[in-house]
């Protein structure tokens, strides 16, 4: 453990902005939702509308089990609690891998170990910083919920439960960093564990009451915070589960580190084929091969989400017949659409359009990773022009953004089309989704321009995405000024079918995106690769 203190300071220095952005964003979301409870619910909880929504299997699969929707705290845990806990796990996995396996892959750890540094010091430092980050997140959540008037006991259970969920995935990130030989594989494995835990929770929560399938929720770490029942007669003993699992994962990570050589993983990397496949003989083919696993994972996840949300529409008429107040909720979600199905689609597409922008930015920023690893320099040492190399990654990002938008819209409308026998709803949902796609392209243009001229400022695009996601998720319910909520790339675009199709803002946004991309490519052609 020699040198751990210095390495903790170094990890804090290198990851301070990463953790600060995550912690502040997640810590604000829950108290903001609780503060907007009366605005969002407007007495519907007392009328039973929320209970009707919560009883729907798809809503339970998406948001988790409701325990008490008559209080702001209980509603917040149901509405955003599982979402925040899952994102805390995402933050933890990516944060630990970036200062363990990623540093080892790029040679930083070897330089550190050439000094007076113990074998386990880098991993210990990563664990300390990761646990500190989730601990601060839990503390801020607790304080924030108390400040908006929620009971202290429930707020502590909410904050501690979320922090311990993040701690579990600090351990998961530490283990995956030992199993694989690359940061990309470690991230993929860690995110697969997180996604599997979320899917297991969704299946268990969607099961009928009394079903044995519901017992699976106890096997999902992202469910344990909700099972502790914050604001609903807290069950503190449940929080021992993530505590014990975190300890086991940390011990396992150190044991695995003892068994492997520096620079390698527990599982050896298999050699590839002697000759390249025909599809890898161009920069575009190489770019698609690099992006293919991640893109397919995103497409699969968004497809499942689209079908799950689309299956909700068949129960609207039944829910409204039993509870007319539910219609008010739907119209509020969809900006006043005449048809309730269209209102629901508007709300879903507004959220997913931001997630698609996250996907295209991740695809583009793979180019920066290729530069850091030295792979770009190898490709550019051949007869490949720099602009062509960048365009290959940009083309994949654009096609993925447009294709995913069309696919999500079609799948969102498919369940209702099958139930009613009308294909028109698929066309409407697909068109509405594509009408919002220029917003994602505009965000991509910002990312390209930043990478072309000031690559060190590439993180600014994530502030734009975080702001947009916050505005979509809770911004419109907080009573913020209209000019403030309008500061997103999607605001000028037509919201179909609530509004008429307007080609001018669509074309203007698309042209602005193309202009930013051209500016970024011009800068990329002029600057040195790997520098600003």
Protein backbone atom coordinates (compact mmCIF):
# COMPACT_ATOMS: atom_id res chain seq x y z
CA UNK A 1 0.00 0.00 0.00
CA UNK A 2 3.06 2.29 -0.09
CA UNK A 3 2.26 5.57 -1.84
CA UNK A 4 -1.51 5.24 -1.52
CA UNK A 5 -1.97 8.73 -0.10
CA UNK A 6 -0.15 10.36 -3.00
CA UNK A 7 -2.09 8.29 -5.53
CA UNK A 8 -5.40 9.20 -3.89
CA UNK A 9 -4.47 12.86 -4.31
CA UNK A 10 -3.52 12.21 -7.94
CA UNK A 11 -6.78 10.35 -8.65
CA UNK A 12 -8.77 13.18 -7.07
CA UNK A 13 -6.88 15.71 -9.17
CA UNK A 14 -7.47 13.83 -12.43
CA UNK A 15 -11.11 12.86 -11.77
CA UNK A 16 -12.42 15.88 -9.90
CA UNK A 17 -14.44 17.32 -12.78
CA UNK A 18 -15.75 13.90 -13.80
CA UNK A 19 -17.11 13.11 -10.35
CA UNK A 20 -18.25 16.70 -9.69
CA UNK A 21 -20.47 16.74 -12.78
CA UNK A 22 -22.02 13.36 -11.96
CA UNK A 23 -22.52 14.02 -8.24
CA UNK A 24 -24.02 17.50 -8.63
CA UNK A 25 -26.33 16.41 -11.45
CA UNK A 26 -27.66 13.38 -9.58
CA UNK A 27 -27.88 15.16 -6.23
CA UNK A 28 -30.11 17.88 -7.68
CA UNK A 29 -32.54 15.60 -9.49
CA UNK A 30 -34.27 13.99 -6.50
CA UNK A 31 -34.86 17.14 -4.37
CA UNK A 32 -36.07 18.97 -7.50
CA UNK A 33 -38.61 16.21 -8.12
CA UNK A 34 -39.80 16.31 -4.51
CA UNK A 35 -40.11 20.10 -4.63
CA UNK A 36 -42.28 19.82 -7.76
CA UNK A 37 -44.55 17.15 -6.27
CA UNK A 38 -47.64 19.33 -5.99
CA UNK A 39 -47.12 20.72 -9.47
CA UNK A 40 -46.62 17.31 -11.05
CA UNK A 41 -49.27 15.40 -9.12
CA UNK A 42 -51.76 18.15 -8.39
CA UNK A 43 -53.92 16.08 -6.03
CA UNK A 44 -54.02 13.02 -8.26
CA UNK A 45 -52.31 10.87 -5.63
CA UNK A 46 -55.24 11.32 -3.29
CA UNK A 47 -57.63 10.43 -6.10
CA UNK A 48 -55.74 7.23 -6.79
CA UNK A 49 -54.45 8.13 -10.28
CA UNK A 50 -50.86 7.45 -9.39
CA UNK A 51 -51.77 4.10 -7.90
CA UNK A 52 -53.41 3.15 -11.17
CA UNK A 53 -50.27 4.13 -13.07
CA UNK A 54 -48.02 2.32 -10.62
CA UNK A 55 -50.05 -0.87 -10.92
CA UNK A 56 -49.28 -1.09 -14.63
CA UNK A 57 -46.56 -3.75 -15.21
CA UNK A 58 -44.64 -1.59 -17.69
CA UNK A 59 -44.53 1.38 -15.33
CA UNK A 60 -43.34 -0.88 -12.52
CA UNK A 61 -40.68 -2.34 -14.81
CA UNK A 62 -39.46 1.11 -15.76
CA UNK A 63 -39.63 2.92 -12.40
CA UNK A 64 -39.62 0.21 -9.76
CA UNK A 65 -42.03 -0.75 -6.98
CA UNK A 66 -44.11 2.05 -5.40
CA UNK A 67 -44.46 2.04 -1.63
CA UNK A 68 -46.11 5.38 -0.77
CA UNK A 69 -47.13 7.78 -3.55
CA UNK A 70 -49.10 10.10 -1.25
CA UNK A 71 -45.97 11.91 -0.01
CA UNK A 72 -43.33 13.84 -1.97
CA UNK A 73 -40.55 11.59 -0.63
CA UNK A 74 -42.28 8.33 -1.52
CA UNK A 75 -43.21 9.65 -4.97
CA UNK A 76 -39.62 10.79 -5.58
CA UNK A 77 -38.17 7.39 -4.70
CA UNK A 78 -40.58 5.77 -7.17
CA UNK A 79 -40.24 8.40 -9.90
CA UNK A 80 -36.45 8.92 -9.96
CA UNK A 81 -34.96 6.83 -7.13
CA UNK A 82 -34.09 3.73 -9.14
CA UNK A 83 -32.92 5.96 -12.01
CA UNK A 84 -30.54 7.86 -9.70
CA UNK A 85 -29.25 4.66 -8.08
CA UNK A 86 -28.57 3.10 -11.48
CA UNK A 87 -26.74 6.19 -12.72
CA UNK A 88 -24.70 6.18 -9.50
CA UNK A 89 -23.63 2.66 -10.48
CA UNK A 90 -22.75 3.86 -13.97
CA UNK A 91 -20.67 6.69 -12.53
CA UNK A 92 -18.86 4.26 -10.24
CA UNK A 93 -17.99 1.68 -12.91
CA UNK A 94 -16.67 4.24 -15.39
CA UNK A 95 -14.84 6.21 -12.69
CA UNK A 96 -12.96 3.22 -11.28
CA UNK A 97 -12.01 1.82 -14.70
CA UNK A 98 -10.67 5.18 -15.89
CA UNK A 99 -8.05 5.33 -13.10
CA UNK A 100 -7.19 1.62 -13.02
CA UNK A 101 -7.34 -0.33 -16.26
CA UNK A 102 -7.32 2.77 -18.51
CA UNK A 103 -4.21 4.20 -16.81
CA UNK A 104 -2.53 0.81 -16.96
CA UNK A 105 -3.36 0.44 -20.64
CA UNK A 106 -1.94 3.87 -21.46
CA UNK A 107 1.29 3.31 -19.48
CA UNK A 108 0.67 5.73 -16.60
CA UNK A 109 0.53 3.01 -13.95
CA UNK A 110 3.86 1.59 -15.09
CA UNK A 111 5.48 5.00 -14.66
CA UNK A 112 4.01 5.33 -11.17
CA UNK A 113 5.17 1.87 -10.16
CA UNK A 114 8.71 2.72 -11.20
CA UNK A 115 8.77 4.92 -8.09
CA UNK A 116 8.17 4.01 -4.46
CA UNK A 117 4.66 2.67 -4.99
CA UNK A 118 3.23 -0.60 -3.68
CA UNK A 119 1.55 -3.15 -5.91
CA UNK A 120 -1.93 -2.50 -4.55
CA UNK A 121 -1.66 1.28 -4.15
CA UNK A 122 -3.21 2.27 -7.54
CA UNK A 123 -6.23 0.03 -7.03
CA UNK A 124 -6.63 1.20 -3.44
CA UNK A 125 -6.54 4.83 -4.54
CA UNK A 126 -9.20 4.21 -7.19
CA UNK A 127 -11.43 2.50 -4.63
CA UNK A 128 -11.00 5.27 -2.07
CA UNK A 129 -11.88 8.00 -4.58
CA UNK A 130 -14.83 6.04 -5.99
CA UNK A 131 -16.26 5.33 -2.53
CA UNK A 132 -15.72 8.95 -1.55
CA UNK A 133 -17.67 10.11 -4.59
CA UNK A 134 -20.69 7.88 -3.92
CA UNK A 135 -20.53 8.84 -0.24
CA UNK A 136 -20.69 12.54 -1.09
CA UNK A 137 -23.59 11.82 -3.45
CA UNK A 138 -25.47 10.05 -0.66
CA UNK A 139 -24.81 12.91 1.74
CA UNK A 140 -26.00 15.56 -0.73
CA UNK A 141 -29.14 13.56 -1.50
CA UNK A 142 -29.93 13.28 2.20
CA UNK A 143 -29.37 16.97 2.88
CA UNK A 144 -31.27 18.02 -0.25
CA UNK A 145 -34.34 15.96 0.63
CA UNK A 146 -34.34 17.27 4.21
CA UNK A 147 -34.09 20.86 2.94
CA UNK A 148 -37.21 20.43 0.81
CA UNK A 149 -39.11 19.30 3.90
CA UNK A 150 -38.92 15.51 3.83
CA UNK A 151 -38.49 13.40 7.00
CA UNK A 152 -34.92 12.85 8.16
CA UNK A 153 -35.25 9.07 8.53
CA UNK A 154 -36.51 8.53 5.00
CA UNK A 155 -33.96 10.95 3.59
CA UNK A 156 -31.12 9.09 5.29
CA UNK A 157 -32.39 5.76 3.96
CA UNK A 158 -32.65 7.23 0.45
CA UNK A 159 -29.18 8.79 0.55
CA UNK A 160 -27.42 5.84 2.17
CA UNK A 161 -29.19 3.35 -0.10
CA UNK A 162 -28.13 5.25 -3.22
CA UNK A 163 -24.56 5.59 -1.96
CA UNK A 164 -24.33 1.88 -1.18
CA UNK A 165 -25.68 1.02 -4.64
CA UNK A 166 -22.88 3.11 -6.10
CA UNK A 167 -20.41 1.40 -3.75
CA UNK A 168 -21.41 -2.02 -5.09
CA UNK A 169 -20.50 -0.91 -8.60
CA UNK A 170 -17.25 0.62 -7.39
CA UNK A 171 -16.44 -2.98 -6.49
CA UNK A 172 -17.77 -4.24 -9.84
CA UNK A 173 -15.53 -1.78 -11.69
CA UNK A 174 -12.53 -2.87 -9.65
CA UNK A 175 -13.17 -6.54 -10.45
CA UNK A 176 -13.72 -6.03 -14.18
CA UNK A 177 -10.50 -4.00 -14.33
CA UNK A 178 -8.64 -7.12 -13.20
CA UNK A 179 -10.42 -9.57 -15.48
CA UNK A 180 -9.78 -7.88 -18.83
CA UNK A 181 -6.71 -6.49 -20.57
CA UNK A 182 -8.32 -3.33 -21.98
CA UNK A 183 -10.29 -0.45 -20.54
CA UNK A 184 -12.93 -0.84 -23.22
CA UNK A 185 -13.57 -4.47 -22.31
CA UNK A 186 -13.60 -3.61 -18.59
CA UNK A 187 -16.18 -0.89 -19.14
CA UNK A 188 -18.26 -3.17 -21.33
CA UNK A 189 -18.23 -5.97 -18.78
CA UNK A 190 -19.05 -3.61 -15.92
CA UNK A 191 -21.91 -2.01 -17.82
CA UNK A 192 -23.19 -5.45 -18.80
CA UNK A 193 -23.40 -6.33 -15.09
CA UNK A 194 -25.21 -3.05 -14.41
CA UNK A 195 -27.60 -3.61 -17.31
CA UNK A 196 -28.23 -7.18 -16.24
CA UNK A 197 -29.05 -6.03 -12.71
CA UNK A 198 -31.48 -3.43 -14.07
CA UNK A 199 -33.12 -5.95 -16.41
CA UNK A 200 -33.46 -8.47 -13.59
CA UNK A 201 -35.11 -5.79 -11.46
CA UNK A 202 -37.46 -4.81 -14.29
CA UNK A 203 -38.58 -8.41 -14.88
CA UNK A 204 -39.19 -8.98 -11.17
CA UNK A 205 -41.10 -5.73 -10.67
CA UNK A 206 -43.28 -6.31 -13.73
CA UNK A 207 -44.39 -9.72 -12.43
CA UNK A 208 -47.86 -10.09 -10.94
CA UNK A 209 -48.25 -9.74 -7.19
CA UNK A 210 -47.63 -13.04 -5.47
CA UNK A 211 -45.58 -14.43 -8.34
CA UNK A 212 -42.36 -16.27 -7.43
CA UNK A 213 -40.61 -14.17 -10.08
CA UNK A 214 -40.84 -11.17 -7.75
CA UNK A 215 -38.29 -12.83 -5.48
CA UNK A 216 -35.65 -12.05 -8.16
CA UNK A 217 -35.69 -8.40 -7.09
CA UNK A 218 -33.60 -9.39 -4.06
CA UNK A 219 -30.84 -10.50 -6.45
CA UNK A 220 -30.52 -7.07 -8.09
CA UNK A 221 -28.28 -4.48 -6.40
CA UNK A 222 -30.06 -1.58 -8.10
CA UNK A 223 -33.30 -2.64 -6.35
CA UNK A 224 -32.00 -2.74 -2.79
CA UNK A 225 -32.38 0.98 -2.17
CA UNK A 226 -36.09 0.80 -3.07
CA UNK A 227 -36.53 -2.37 -1.01
CA UNK A 228 -35.26 -0.45 2.02
CA UNK A 229 -38.53 1.54 1.62
CA UNK A 230 -37.41 5.15 2.20
CA UNK A 231 -40.31 7.28 3.49
CA UNK A 232 -42.46 4.15 3.96
CA UNK A 233 -41.53 2.45 7.24
CA UNK A 234 -37.85 2.05 6.45
CA UNK A 235 -36.28 -1.41 6.55
CA UNK A 236 -32.69 -0.65 7.53
CA UNK A 237 -31.53 -4.28 7.54
CA UNK A 238 -31.86 -4.37 3.73
CA UNK A 239 -28.93 -1.95 3.46
CA UNK A 240 -26.63 -4.65 4.82
CA UNK A 241 -26.91 -6.43 1.47
CA UNK A 242 -25.00 -3.83 -0.59
CA UNK A 243 -22.56 -3.32 2.27
CA UNK A 244 -21.62 -7.01 2.39
CA UNK A 245 -21.49 -7.35 -1.41
CA UNK A 246 -19.21 -4.31 -1.70
CA UNK A 247 -16.79 -5.82 0.81
CA UNK A 248 -16.74 -9.13 -1.06
CA UNK A 249 -16.12 -7.43 -4.41
CA UNK A 250 -13.27 -5.32 -3.02
CA UNK A 251 -11.60 -8.36 -1.48
CA UNK A 252 -12.08 -10.23 -4.75
CA UNK A 253 -10.52 -7.40 -6.76
CA UNK A 254 -7.35 -7.47 -4.64
CA UNK A 255 -7.19 -11.26 -4.88
CA UNK A 256 -7.47 -11.10 -8.67
CA UNK A 257 -4.78 -8.42 -8.84
CA UNK A 258 -2.41 -10.81 -7.08
CA UNK A 259 -2.94 -13.44 -9.80
CA UNK A 260 -2.31 -11.37 -12.93
CA UNK A 261 0.71 -9.72 -14.51
CA UNK A 262 0.93 -5.97 -15.00
CA UNK A 263 -0.61 -4.94 -18.33
CA UNK A 264 -2.68 -8.10 -18.68
CA UNK A 265 -5.94 -9.42 -17.33
CA UNK A 266 -6.89 -12.63 -15.60
CA UNK A 267 -8.31 -13.76 -18.94
CA UNK A 268 -5.66 -13.69 -21.66
CA UNK A 269 -6.33 -11.87 -24.92
CA UNK A 270 -6.77 -14.25 -27.83
CA UNK A 271 -4.83 -13.48 -31.03
CA UNK A 272 -6.89 -12.28 -33.95
CA UNK A 273 -6.93 -13.74 -37.48
CA UNK A 274 -3.79 -13.43 -39.59
CA UNK A 275 -5.57 -11.53 -42.35
CA UNK A 276 -8.08 -8.68 -42.18
CA UNK A 277 -11.64 -9.23 -43.30
CA UNK A 278 -12.69 -7.38 -46.47
CA UNK A 279 -14.79 -4.98 -44.43
CA UNK A 280 -11.71 -3.73 -42.56
CA UNK A 281 -9.86 -2.52 -45.64
CA UNK A 282 -11.15 1.04 -45.41
CA UNK A 283 -11.32 3.66 -42.64
CA UNK A 284 -15.12 3.44 -42.66
CA UNK A 285 -15.03 -0.34 -42.22
CA UNK A 286 -12.56 0.00 -39.36
CA UNK A 287 -14.70 2.68 -37.70
CA UNK A 288 -17.81 0.53 -37.88
CA UNK A 289 -15.92 -2.47 -36.49
CA UNK A 290 -14.79 -0.37 -33.52
CA UNK A 291 -18.26 1.01 -32.84
CA UNK A 292 -20.31 -2.09 -33.60
CA UNK A 293 -20.45 -3.71 -30.11
CA UNK A 294 -21.37 -0.51 -28.32
CA UNK A 295 -23.88 0.61 -30.93
CA UNK A 296 -25.63 -2.77 -31.00
CA UNK A 297 -25.89 -2.71 -27.19
CA UNK A 298 -27.48 0.74 -27.27
CA UNK A 299 -29.85 -0.21 -30.07
CA UNK A 300 -30.95 -3.33 -28.21
CA UNK A 301 -31.57 -1.40 -25.00
CA UNK A 302 -33.50 1.39 -26.73
CA UNK A 303 -35.53 -1.16 -28.70
CA UNK A 304 -36.61 -2.97 -25.53
CA UNK A 305 -37.46 0.37 -23.94
CA UNK A 306 -39.50 1.43 -26.99
CA UNK A 307 -41.52 -1.78 -27.06
CA UNK A 308 -42.07 -1.63 -23.30
CA UNK A 309 -43.28 1.97 -23.39
CA UNK A 310 -45.36 1.32 -26.48
CA UNK A 311 -47.17 -1.52 -24.70
CA UNK A 312 -48.50 1.03 -22.18
CA UNK A 313 -50.74 2.68 -24.76
CA UNK A 314 -53.18 -0.23 -24.91
CA UNK A 315 -54.21 0.32 -21.29
CA UNK A 316 -54.92 4.06 -21.55
CA UNK A 317 -58.63 3.75 -22.33
CA UNK A 318 -59.12 1.30 -19.48
CA UNK A 319 -57.25 3.49 -17.03
CA UNK A 320 -59.19 6.60 -18.00
CA UNK A 321 -62.51 4.77 -17.71
CA UNK A 322 -61.62 3.78 -14.14
CA UNK A 323 -60.01 7.09 -13.28
CA UNK A 324 -60.71 10.19 -15.42
CA UNK A 325 -58.01 12.18 -13.60
CA UNK A 326 -55.37 10.12 -15.37
CA UNK A 327 -56.20 11.99 -18.58
CA UNK A 328 -54.91 15.19 -16.97
CA UNK A 329 -51.55 13.52 -16.31
CA UNK A 330 -51.22 12.35 -19.91
CA UNK A 331 -52.12 15.71 -21.40
CA UNK A 332 -49.65 17.43 -19.13
CA UNK A 333 -46.92 15.01 -20.25
CA UNK A 334 -47.68 15.51 -23.95
CA UNK A 335 -48.06 19.26 -24.19
CA UNK A 336 -51.79 19.22 -24.81
CA UNK A 337 -52.04 16.70 -27.67
CA UNK A 338 -55.58 15.92 -28.80
CA UNK A 339 -55.05 12.15 -28.72
CA UNK A 340 -53.77 10.58 -25.53
CA UNK A 341 -51.52 8.16 -27.41
CA UNK A 342 -49.87 11.08 -29.20
CA UNK A 343 -49.37 12.87 -25.87
CA UNK A 344 -47.56 9.86 -24.49
CA UNK A 345 -45.38 9.55 -27.59
CA UNK A 346 -44.40 13.23 -27.34
CA UNK A 347 -43.24 12.75 -23.75
CA UNK A 348 -41.24 9.60 -24.54
CA UNK A 349 -39.62 10.99 -27.69
CA UNK A 350 -38.54 14.15 -25.89
CA UNK A 351 -36.55 12.03 -23.43
CA UNK A 352 -35.15 9.52 -25.91
CA UNK A 353 -34.01 12.19 -28.37
CA UNK A 354 -31.52 13.32 -25.72
CA UNK A 355 -30.37 9.73 -25.12
CA UNK A 356 -29.78 9.32 -28.87
CA UNK A 357 -27.63 12.47 -28.75
CA UNK A 358 -25.61 10.84 -25.96
CA UNK A 359 -25.10 7.81 -28.22
CA UNK A 360 -23.86 9.81 -31.23
CA UNK A 361 -21.46 11.82 -29.06
CA UNK A 362 -20.05 8.61 -27.60
CA UNK A 363 -19.53 7.28 -31.13
CA UNK A 364 -17.73 10.43 -32.23
CA UNK A 365 -15.54 10.65 -29.16
CA UNK A 366 -14.13 7.22 -29.93
CA UNK A 367 -11.88 9.15 -32.33
CA UNK A 368 -10.31 10.96 -29.38
CA UNK A 369 -9.69 7.62 -27.65
CA UNK A 370 -8.00 6.29 -30.79
CA UNK A 371 -5.69 9.32 -30.74
CA UNK A 372 -4.78 8.86 -27.07
CA UNK A 373 -3.97 5.19 -27.58
CA UNK A 374 -1.77 5.90 -30.62
CA UNK A 375 -4.02 3.93 -32.98
CA UNK A 376 -4.89 7.02 -35.04
CA UNK A 377 -1.23 7.71 -35.67
CA UNK A 378 -0.76 4.21 -37.07
CA UNK A 379 -3.70 4.58 -39.44
CA UNK A 380 -2.60 8.04 -40.57
CA UNK A 381 0.91 6.77 -41.27
CA UNK A 382 -0.62 4.94 -44.26
CA UNK A 383 -2.23 6.53 -47.33
CA UNK A 384 -5.31 7.58 -45.33
CA UNK A 385 -5.95 11.31 -45.26
CA UNK A 386 -6.73 12.90 -41.92
CA UNK A 387 -10.10 14.28 -43.02
CA UNK A 388 -11.15 10.88 -44.40
CA UNK A 389 -10.20 9.24 -41.12
CA UNK A 390 -12.32 11.69 -39.10
CA UNK A 391 -15.19 11.46 -41.58
CA UNK A 392 -15.35 7.70 -41.14
CA UNK A 393 -16.21 8.09 -37.44
CA UNK A 394 -18.51 11.04 -38.16
CA UNK A 395 -20.42 9.09 -40.82
CA UNK A 396 -21.04 6.24 -38.39
CA UNK A 397 -22.29 8.71 -35.77
CA UNK A 398 -24.71 10.41 -38.20
CA UNK A 399 -26.10 7.14 -39.59
CA UNK A 400 -26.48 5.69 -36.09
CA UNK A 401 -28.31 8.82 -34.91
CA UNK A 402 -30.77 8.90 -37.79
CA UNK A 403 -31.26 5.13 -37.88
CA UNK A 404 -31.84 4.85 -34.14
CA UNK A 405 -34.34 7.72 -34.22
CA UNK A 406 -36.37 6.02 -36.95
CA UNK A 407 -36.17 2.61 -35.26
CA UNK A 408 -37.23 3.91 -31.85
CA UNK A 409 -40.22 5.76 -33.29
CA UNK A 410 -41.36 2.72 -35.25
CA UNK A 411 -41.02 0.35 -32.30
CA UNK A 412 -42.74 2.81 -29.97
CA UNK A 413 -45.81 2.81 -32.18
CA UNK A 414 -45.74 -0.90 -33.08
CA UNK A 415 -47.61 -2.32 -30.03
CA UNK A 416 -50.54 0.05 -30.45
CA UNK A 417 -50.59 -0.59 -34.21
CA UNK A 418 -50.78 -4.34 -33.63
CA UNK A 419 -53.56 -3.93 -31.08
CA UNK A 420 -55.69 -1.59 -33.20
CA UNK A 421 -54.75 -2.87 -36.64
CA UNK A 422 -53.74 0.61 -37.81
CA UNK A 423 -50.28 1.19 -39.25
CA UNK A 424 -50.76 4.94 -39.30
CA UNK A 425 -49.60 5.25 -35.69
CA UNK A 426 -46.22 3.75 -36.62
CA UNK A 427 -45.82 6.33 -39.38
CA UNK A 428 -46.73 9.18 -37.01
CA UNK A 429 -44.38 8.04 -34.28
CA UNK A 430 -41.51 7.50 -36.73
CA UNK A 431 -42.02 10.92 -38.29
CA UNK A 432 -42.17 12.58 -34.87
CA UNK A 433 -38.93 10.90 -33.85
CA UNK A 434 -37.11 11.87 -37.06
CA UNK A 435 -38.31 15.47 -36.71
CA UNK A 436 -36.30 15.66 -33.46
CA UNK A 437 -33.17 14.00 -34.91
CA UNK A 438 -31.57 17.31 -36.04
CA UNK A 439 -31.23 18.21 -32.37
CA UNK A 440 -28.93 15.23 -31.85
CA UNK A 441 -27.00 16.18 -34.99
CA UNK A 442 -26.56 19.72 -33.66
CA UNK A 443 -25.09 18.37 -30.43
CA UNK A 444 -22.82 16.15 -32.54
CA UNK A 445 -21.74 19.24 -34.49
CA UNK A 446 -20.75 20.95 -31.25
CA UNK A 447 -18.69 17.88 -30.28
CA UNK A 448 -16.96 17.81 -33.67
CA UNK A 449 -16.15 21.53 -33.54
CA UNK A 450 -14.70 21.23 -30.04
CA UNK A 451 -12.57 18.24 -30.98
CA UNK A 452 -11.30 19.95 -34.11
CA UNK A 453 -10.14 23.15 -32.44
CA UNK A 454 -10.02 22.71 -28.64
CA UNK A 455 -10.02 18.96 -27.92
CA UNK A 456 -9.33 19.52 -24.23
CA UNK A 457 -12.71 21.24 -23.97
CA UNK A 458 -14.61 18.25 -25.33
CA UNK A 459 -16.27 17.78 -21.93
CA UNK A 460 -18.37 20.90 -22.57
CA UNK A 461 -20.69 18.92 -24.81
CA UNK A 462 -21.59 16.77 -21.79
CA UNK A 463 -22.72 19.87 -19.93
CA UNK A 464 -25.03 20.63 -22.83
CA UNK A 465 -26.42 17.09 -22.75
CA UNK A 466 -26.80 17.10 -18.97
CA UNK A 467 -28.67 20.39 -19.09
CA UNK A 468 -30.97 19.12 -21.84
CA UNK A 469 -31.71 15.89 -19.97
CA UNK A 470 -32.50 17.82 -16.80
CA UNK A 471 -34.88 20.14 -18.68
CA UNK A 472 -36.65 17.17 -20.28
CA UNK A 473 -36.87 15.15 -17.06
CA UNK A 474 -38.01 17.72 -14.51
CA UNK A 475 -37.28 21.21 -15.85
CA UNK A 476 -40.74 21.86 -17.26
CA UNK A 477 -42.43 20.90 -13.98
CA UNK A 478 -40.43 23.30 -11.79
CA UNK A 479 -42.08 26.48 -13.01
CA UNK A 480 -38.84 27.81 -14.52
CA UNK A 481 -39.02 30.77 -16.93
CA UNK A 482 -39.88 29.78 -20.47
CA UNK A 483 -36.72 31.32 -21.91
CA UNK A 484 -34.64 29.12 -19.60
CA UNK A 485 -36.36 25.82 -20.41
CA UNK A 486 -36.10 26.72 -24.11
CA UNK A 487 -32.29 26.70 -24.04
CA UNK A 488 -31.87 23.25 -25.58
CA UNK A 489 -31.00 22.21 -29.14
CA UNK A 490 -34.44 20.60 -29.53
CA UNK A 491 -36.55 23.63 -28.66
CA UNK A 492 -36.92 25.08 -32.21
CA UNK A 493 -37.93 21.71 -33.69
CA UNK A 494 -41.60 20.83 -34.26
CA UNK A 495 -43.19 18.56 -31.68
CA UNK A 496 -45.25 16.22 -33.81
CA UNK A 497 -48.16 15.64 -33.78
CA UNK A 498 -48.97 18.35 -31.22
CA UNK A 499 -47.64 20.92 -33.70
CA UNK A 500 -47.77 21.08 -37.46
CA UNK A 501 -44.70 19.99 -39.37
CA UNK A 502 -42.40 23.01 -39.89
CA UNK A 503 -39.53 22.42 -42.28
CA UNK A 504 -37.77 25.74 -41.65
CA UNK A 505 -36.49 24.95 -38.11
CA UNK A 506 -35.65 21.37 -39.14
CA UNK A 507 -33.58 22.52 -42.11
CA UNK A 508 -32.02 25.41 -40.17
CA UNK A 509 -30.96 23.12 -37.31
CA UNK A 510 -29.59 20.57 -39.77
CA UNK A 511 -27.60 23.23 -41.66
CA UNK A 512 -26.21 24.58 -38.37
CA UNK A 513 -25.13 21.03 -37.45
CA UNK A 514 -23.45 20.52 -40.84
CA UNK A 515 -21.69 23.89 -40.53
CA UNK A 516 -20.32 23.01 -37.10
CA UNK A 517 -19.13 19.65 -38.42
CA UNK A 518 -17.35 21.36 -41.32
CA UNK A 519 -15.70 23.81 -38.94
CA UNK A 520 -14.56 20.96 -36.73
CA UNK A 521 -13.12 18.97 -39.63
CA UNK A 522 -11.26 22.04 -40.83
CA UNK A 523 -9.67 22.41 -37.41
CA UNK A 524 -8.85 18.70 -37.25
CA UNK A 525 -7.04 18.95 -40.58
CA UNK A 526 -4.87 21.84 -39.31
CA UNK A 527 -3.86 20.75 -35.81
CA UNK A 528 -1.43 18.06 -34.70
CA UNK A 529 -3.05 14.74 -33.84
CA UNK A 530 -3.11 14.27 -30.09
CA UNK A 531 -2.66 17.98 -29.32
CA UNK A 532 -4.81 21.09 -29.27
